[in-house]
Amino acid sequence: MSKNDYMTPPELAVDLNVKVQTLAQWRYYGRGPFFVKVEGEVRYPLESIKKYKDELVEKTHIKMEANKQRQRVKSNGFANA
């Protein structure tokens, strides 16, 4: 893989609109996109970033569908059933 196949933490922070410190916390807690260390420096493979974003989109869609279902149940008068 070439240098262009990775993002640095500052680059990814801009891309995801989070702080670099947030990425560090995600790494510590095992969250966020997969990362590797190249010569002691954290790097995020572009493929892992794409996978992470795809998973976020999928989770968002699932949550939106669940919310729609709850609203349908409430509007049908089954909220206390």
Protein backbone atom coordinates (compact mmCIF):
# COMPACT_ATOMS: atom_id res chain seq x y z
CA MET A 1 0.00 0.00 0.00
CA SER A 2 1.16 3.50 -0.74
CA LYS A 3 1.02 6.60 1.41
CA ASN A 4 -2.12 7.62 -0.50
CA ASP A 5 -3.93 4.53 0.80
CA TYR A 6 -4.00 5.92 4.35
CA MET A 7 -5.23 8.95 6.26
CA THR A 8 -3.53 10.52 9.24
CA PRO A 9 -5.55 11.28 12.39
CA PRO A 10 -5.76 15.02 11.56
CA GLU A 11 -6.97 14.24 8.03
CA LEU A 12 -9.58 11.79 9.30
CA ALA A 13 -10.70 14.19 12.03
CA VAL A 14 -11.50 16.77 9.36
CA ASP A 15 -13.22 14.14 7.21
CA LEU A 16 -15.44 12.91 10.07
CA ASN A 17 -15.87 16.36 11.65
CA VAL A 18 -14.50 15.22 15.01
CA LYS A 19 -11.51 16.26 17.08
CA VAL A 20 -8.20 14.43 16.82
CA GLN A 21 -8.58 13.71 20.55
CA THR A 22 -11.89 11.96 19.82
CA LEU A 23 -10.10 9.62 17.43
CA ALA A 24 -7.52 8.91 20.13
CA GLN A 25 -10.29 8.06 22.59
CA TRP A 26 -11.98 5.81 20.02
CA ARG A 27 -8.69 3.96 19.49
CA TYR A 28 -8.25 3.56 23.25
CA TYR A 29 -11.76 2.15 23.69
CA GLY A 30 -11.67 0.04 20.54
CA ARG A 31 -14.20 2.17 18.64
CA GLY A 32 -14.07 3.96 15.32
CA PRO A 33 -12.39 2.83 12.15
CA PHE A 34 -9.62 0.23 12.12
CA PHE A 35 -6.13 1.71 12.28
CA VAL A 36 -2.56 0.54 11.92
CA LYS A 37 0.75 1.91 13.06
CA VAL A 38 3.24 2.57 10.29
CA GLU A 39 6.71 3.26 11.66
CA GLY A 40 5.10 4.14 15.00
CA GLU A 41 2.57 6.56 13.50
CA VAL A 42 -1.20 5.94 13.51
CA ARG A 43 -2.69 5.58 10.05
CA TYR A 44 -6.21 4.74 8.91
CA PRO A 45 -6.46 2.61 5.76
CA LEU A 46 -8.93 4.15 3.32
CA GLU A 47 -10.78 0.84 3.05
CA SER A 48 -11.38 0.78 6.82
CA ILE A 49 -12.68 4.35 6.70
CA LYS A 50 -15.11 3.44 3.93
CA LYS A 51 -16.28 0.39 5.88
CA TYR A 52 -16.73 2.47 9.04
CA LYS A 53 -18.78 5.10 7.20
CA ASP A 54 -20.91 2.42 5.53
CA GLU A 55 -21.62 0.88 8.95
CA LEU A 56 -22.61 4.29 10.33
CA VAL A 57 -25.02 4.82 7.45
CA GLU A 58 -26.54 1.37 8.00
CA LYS A 59 -26.96 1.98 11.74
CA THR A 60 -28.57 5.35 11.03
CA HIS A 61 -31.05 3.76 8.62
CA ILE A 62 -31.92 1.05 11.16
CA LYS A 63 -32.53 3.68 13.86
CA MET A 64 -34.66 5.77 11.50
CA GLU A 65 -36.79 2.76 10.62
CA ALA A 66 -37.21 1.87 14.30
CA ASN A 67 -38.31 5.45 15.05
CA LYS A 68 -40.81 5.36 12.18
CA GLN A 69 -42.21 2.09 13.53
CA ARG A 70 -42.57 3.57 17.02
CA GLN A 71 -44.38 6.60 15.59
CA ARG A 72 -46.78 4.33 13.67
CA VAL A 73 -47.51 2.35 16.82
CA LYS A 74 -48.15 5.55 18.80
CA SER A 75 -50.37 7.01 16.10
CA ASN A 76 -52.41 3.80 15.97
CA GLY A 77 -53.12 4.05 19.71
CA PHE A 78 -50.99 1.09 20.74
CA ALA A 79 -48.49 3.06 22.78
CA ASN A 80 -49.70 1.57 26.09
CA ALA A 81 -50.28 -1.96 24.80
